Each structure stands twice: as C-alpha cells, then as structure tokens.
Protein backbone atom coordinates (compact mmCIF):
# COMPACT_ATOMS: atom_id res chain seq x y z
CA UNK A 1 239.27 300.09 326.90
CA UNK A 2 241.47 297.27 325.65
CA UNK A 3 245.07 298.35 325.29
CA UNK A 4 247.75 296.88 322.99
CA UNK A 5 251.43 297.28 323.91
CA UNK A 6 254.10 296.16 321.44
CA UNK A 7 257.79 296.31 322.32
CA UNK A 8 260.76 296.17 319.95
CA UNK A 9 264.34 295.62 321.08
CA UNK A 10 266.74 297.59 318.91
CA UNK A 11 268.44 295.63 316.15
CA UNK A 12 272.13 294.86 315.57
CA UNK A 13 274.37 297.64 316.84
CA UNK A 14 278.10 298.18 316.45
CA UNK A 15 278.68 297.22 320.08
CA UNK A 16 277.37 293.72 319.31
CA UNK A 17 280.40 293.24 317.07
CA UNK A 18 283.23 295.32 318.54
CA UNK A 19 283.53 293.80 322.01
CA UNK A 20 282.25 296.86 323.87
CA UNK A 21 279.50 297.30 326.42
CA UNK A 22 276.26 298.93 325.27
CA UNK A 23 274.53 300.48 328.25
CA UNK A 24 274.57 304.27 327.76
CA UNK A 25 277.31 304.02 325.14
CA UNK A 26 275.75 305.74 322.14
CA UNK A 27 276.45 303.10 319.51
CA UNK A 28 274.81 303.30 316.04
CA UNK A 29 273.24 300.41 314.19
CA UNK A 30 275.21 298.36 311.69
CA UNK A 31 273.97 298.20 308.11
CA UNK A 32 272.59 294.75 308.94
CA UNK A 33 270.82 296.30 311.93
CA UNK A 34 269.22 298.94 309.73
CA UNK A 35 267.95 296.26 307.34
CA UNK A 36 266.61 294.23 310.27
CA UNK A 37 264.77 297.30 311.61
CA UNK A 38 263.28 298.08 308.20
CA UNK A 39 262.01 294.50 307.93
CA UNK A 40 260.47 294.81 311.41
CA UNK A 41 258.62 297.90 310.21
CA UNK A 42 257.19 295.99 307.26
CA UNK A 43 256.15 293.15 309.59
CA UNK A 44 254.60 295.53 312.12
CA UNK A 45 252.53 297.16 309.38
CA UNK A 46 250.88 293.77 308.89
CA UNK A 47 250.18 293.79 312.65
CA UNK A 48 248.25 297.03 312.16
CA UNK A 49 250.85 299.29 313.77
CA UNK A 50 250.46 302.02 311.15
CA UNK A 51 246.90 302.56 312.36
CA UNK A 52 246.65 304.78 315.43
CA UNK A 53 249.74 303.63 317.33
CA UNK A 54 251.75 305.94 319.57
CA UNK A 55 255.49 305.20 319.46
CA UNK A 56 257.80 305.71 322.43
CA UNK A 57 261.54 305.39 321.87
CA UNK A 58 264.74 305.50 323.88
CA UNK A 59 266.85 308.51 322.91
CA UNK A 60 270.05 306.45 322.51
CA UNK A 61 271.24 306.23 318.90
CA UNK A 62 270.71 302.50 318.33
CA UNK A 63 267.07 302.67 319.45
CA UNK A 64 266.39 305.95 317.62
CA UNK A 65 267.82 304.51 314.40
CA UNK A 66 265.73 301.37 314.82
CA UNK A 67 262.65 303.58 315.09
CA UNK A 68 263.80 305.59 312.07
CA UNK A 69 263.96 302.46 309.90
CA UNK A 70 260.66 301.12 311.24
CA UNK A 71 259.02 304.43 310.40
CA UNK A 72 259.95 304.17 306.73
CA UNK A 73 256.90 301.91 306.73
CA UNK A 74 254.80 302.99 309.72
CA UNK A 75 255.30 306.79 309.47
CA UNK A 76 254.87 307.37 313.20
CA UNK A 77 256.38 310.29 315.10
CA UNK A 78 258.34 308.83 318.03
CA UNK A 79 258.15 310.29 321.52
CA UNK A 80 261.77 310.18 322.71
CA UNK A 81 262.30 309.29 326.36
CA UNK A 82 265.35 308.96 328.62
CA UNK A 83 263.24 306.83 330.97
CA UNK A 84 263.50 303.84 328.62
CA UNK A 85 267.23 304.02 327.97
CA UNK A 86 269.26 300.89 328.61
CA UNK A 87 270.65 300.33 332.11
CA UNK A 88 273.31 302.91 333.01
CA UNK A 89 276.67 301.19 333.56
CA UNK A 90 278.29 304.39 334.80
CA UNK A 91 282.05 304.29 334.18
CA UNK A 92 281.49 301.11 332.16
CA UNK A 93 279.27 302.75 329.54
CA UNK A 94 280.64 301.91 326.10
CA UNK A 95 283.91 300.50 327.43
CA UNK A 96 285.57 297.35 326.06
CA UNK A 97 284.27 294.29 327.91
CA UNK A 98 287.85 293.41 328.88
CA UNK A 99 288.20 296.78 330.64
CA UNK A 100 284.73 296.45 332.15
CA UNK A 101 285.42 293.04 333.65
CA UNK A 102 288.80 294.12 334.98
CA UNK A 103 287.53 297.26 336.73
CA UNK A 104 284.02 296.38 337.90
CA UNK A 105 283.24 295.90 341.59
CA UNK A 106 283.20 292.16 342.42
CA UNK A 107 279.89 290.55 343.32
CA UNK A 108 279.23 287.13 344.79
CA UNK A 109 275.75 285.95 343.86
CA UNK A 110 272.70 288.01 342.92
CA UNK A 111 272.26 291.33 344.71
CA UNK A 112 269.38 293.56 343.54
CA UNK A 113 271.32 296.62 344.73
CA UNK A 114 274.64 295.68 343.11
CA UNK A 115 276.27 298.37 340.98
CA UNK A 116 279.29 297.35 338.87
CA UNK A 117 280.62 300.91 339.25
CA UNK A 118 279.71 303.52 341.88
CA UNK A 119 277.93 305.71 339.30
CA UNK A 120 276.06 302.80 337.65
CA UNK A 121 272.46 301.67 338.13
CA UNK A 122 271.49 298.58 340.10
CA UNK A 123 268.53 296.39 339.15
CA UNK A 124 266.48 298.27 341.73
CA UNK A 125 267.53 301.62 340.25
CA UNK A 126 266.55 300.50 336.75
CA UNK A 127 263.19 299.17 337.96
CA UNK A 128 262.45 302.43 339.76
CA UNK A 129 263.33 304.42 336.64
CA UNK A 130 261.07 302.40 334.36
CA UNK A 131 258.09 301.95 336.70
CA UNK A 132 256.68 305.51 336.32
CA UNK A 133 256.83 305.11 332.52
CA UNK A 134 254.95 301.81 332.71
CA UNK A 135 252.34 303.29 335.06
CA UNK A 136 251.95 306.26 332.71
CA UNK A 137 251.25 304.24 329.58
CA UNK A 138 248.85 301.90 331.38
CA UNK A 139 246.91 304.81 332.86
CA UNK A 140 246.82 306.82 329.62
CA UNK A 141 244.00 306.96 327.09
CA UNK A 142 246.34 305.57 324.43
CA UNK A 143 244.94 302.27 323.19
CA UNK A 144 247.83 301.28 320.89
CA UNK A 145 251.41 301.70 322.05
CA UNK A 146 254.70 300.75 320.35
CA UNK A 147 257.91 300.95 322.40
CA UNK A 148 261.44 300.78 320.94
CA UNK A 149 264.07 300.25 323.59
CA UNK A 150 266.81 297.92 324.90
CA UNK A 151 267.21 294.41 326.28
CA UNK A 152 267.47 294.96 330.04
CA UNK A 153 264.93 297.77 330.00
CA UNK A 154 262.36 295.82 328.01
CA UNK A 155 262.89 292.72 330.15
CA UNK A 156 261.91 294.76 333.20
CA UNK A 157 259.04 296.49 331.38
CA UNK A 158 257.66 293.15 330.20
CA UNK A 159 257.79 291.88 333.78
CA UNK A 160 255.85 294.93 334.96
CA UNK A 161 253.22 294.45 332.26
CA UNK A 162 252.76 290.83 333.38
CA UNK A 163 252.22 291.92 336.97
CA UNK A 164 255.61 291.08 338.46
CA UNK A 165 256.87 292.91 341.51
CA UNK A 166 260.53 293.84 341.79
CA UNK A 167 261.21 291.00 344.23
CA UNK A 168 260.01 288.49 341.60
CA UNK A 169 263.08 289.21 339.47
CA UNK A 170 265.17 287.11 341.83
CA UNK A 171 263.35 283.99 340.62
CA UNK A 172 262.25 284.82 337.06
CA UNK A 173 262.76 287.47 334.38
CA UNK A 174 262.40 288.09 330.66
CA UNK A 175 265.37 288.30 328.30
CA UNK A 176 265.31 289.04 324.58
CA UNK A 177 267.80 289.33 321.75
CA UNK A 178 268.34 292.23 319.37
CA UNK A 179 265.43 292.72 317.02
CA UNK A 180 262.94 290.81 319.19
CA UNK A 181 259.27 291.81 319.24
CA UNK A 182 256.66 291.28 321.97
CA UNK A 183 252.93 291.98 322.09
CA UNK A 184 250.69 292.34 325.14
CA UNK A 185 246.94 292.91 325.38
CA UNK A 186 245.62 294.64 328.49
CA UNK A 187 241.89 294.14 329.08
CA UNK A 188 239.71 296.84 330.70
CA UNK A 189 239.77 294.88 333.98
CA UNK A 190 243.59 294.93 333.96
CA UNK A 191 244.05 291.30 332.89
CA UNK A 192 247.14 291.01 330.68
CA UNK A 193 247.70 288.49 327.89
CA UNK A 194 251.17 287.97 326.40
CA UNK A 195 250.32 287.33 322.76
CA UNK A 196 253.99 286.63 321.99
CA UNK A 197 257.24 287.46 323.77
CA UNK A 198 260.64 288.17 322.19
CA UNK A 199 259.70 286.89 318.74
CA UNK A 200 262.42 287.28 316.11
CA UNK A 201 261.70 287.47 312.38
C-alpha cells in the first residue's frame, strides 16, 4: 500500500503579530490567517485531498481554525489530537517574548535536553511525544493522511517521515513558515519520497 502524508502548518495567528510566544498559548487566527487557510483548502482540493483523506489536527485554536477554513472546501472531519500540539514552553506559553527572554533558563550551545522553563518540553521530550503518533499513522491502513499542526512539531514529524533519528537533529532539521504545505509518499517497502517540503502558496 502506497501512503500519502500531507502536512499543513497553521496560518497567520495573532501571536505572529503581538510579540508573544505561541507554544501552548491558545491564540486564534487573524482574518488574514483565515483567508490563507481557506485558500490552502482550495489548493488542496486540486491535490485530491477531498477524496478519501483522513485529517488529523492539533487541538490548539490556531490549528483547529486552520482546519475549519480548509474544510470549507474539503469537508473532512478532523481527528483532534494533543500529541501534535506545538512544543510546550511551560511557564513561557503565550507570554510576551520580552518576558520569555528575561525569565528563561540560560543555555550555552545546543542541548537536546534543554528546557527554557522547568515545566517546558525539551527537544527530546517533543520528539518522544510525536514519535508514537508518527508510528501510528505509518502502521495504519489509512492511505491518505492530512495533518494540520505547528512549526516545531511538523519539523520533527517531517524528520521522522524521512527516516531521521533524534540524534540527527543536531546536524539537520526541517523548518517551515506559517501556511506551509508538505507532501510525502511512502512506498509499500517503506521508501519515502518528499514530493515537496514547506511550500507556500
């Protein structure tokens, strides 16, 4: 069975404009973000996403609203999941960046176990949260999967789909911008092709 996995990073959110951290802050989309998401839905319909796709979506507002606008065209019923939320910044969730930078724990160089706040997630924590979700969708009988989530989360998920191990993130990783779309094809033998990564309309 050949499997298609398409990921969508949520579109413009209020935290992109107001100088606050996203993370688990439950920011809504801007009006521009809603229009961007609607346009993505129209584009995805031309990619065949209205035909037999299963949609998974982060339960944070900006991702859920992106899915809502996309589904004005695709008419899918999203499966909401906490597993594909953005990285948890703990005490920094939703805070102004000025406050965040002033109060975070200092870090010198890259540390995969670094947490900016004691109750935040490290890169390793985020990877370990997402990995069971990735394993689940790859092992499932679902042939067409659409995932609406967040930048850090999708960067890690894309790395997993391409066969990276956690240790590989120290040398290379994926990074997208709001509203970016990626498509992967997984052959029956497990070979993965990145058809496009972090495309923006």
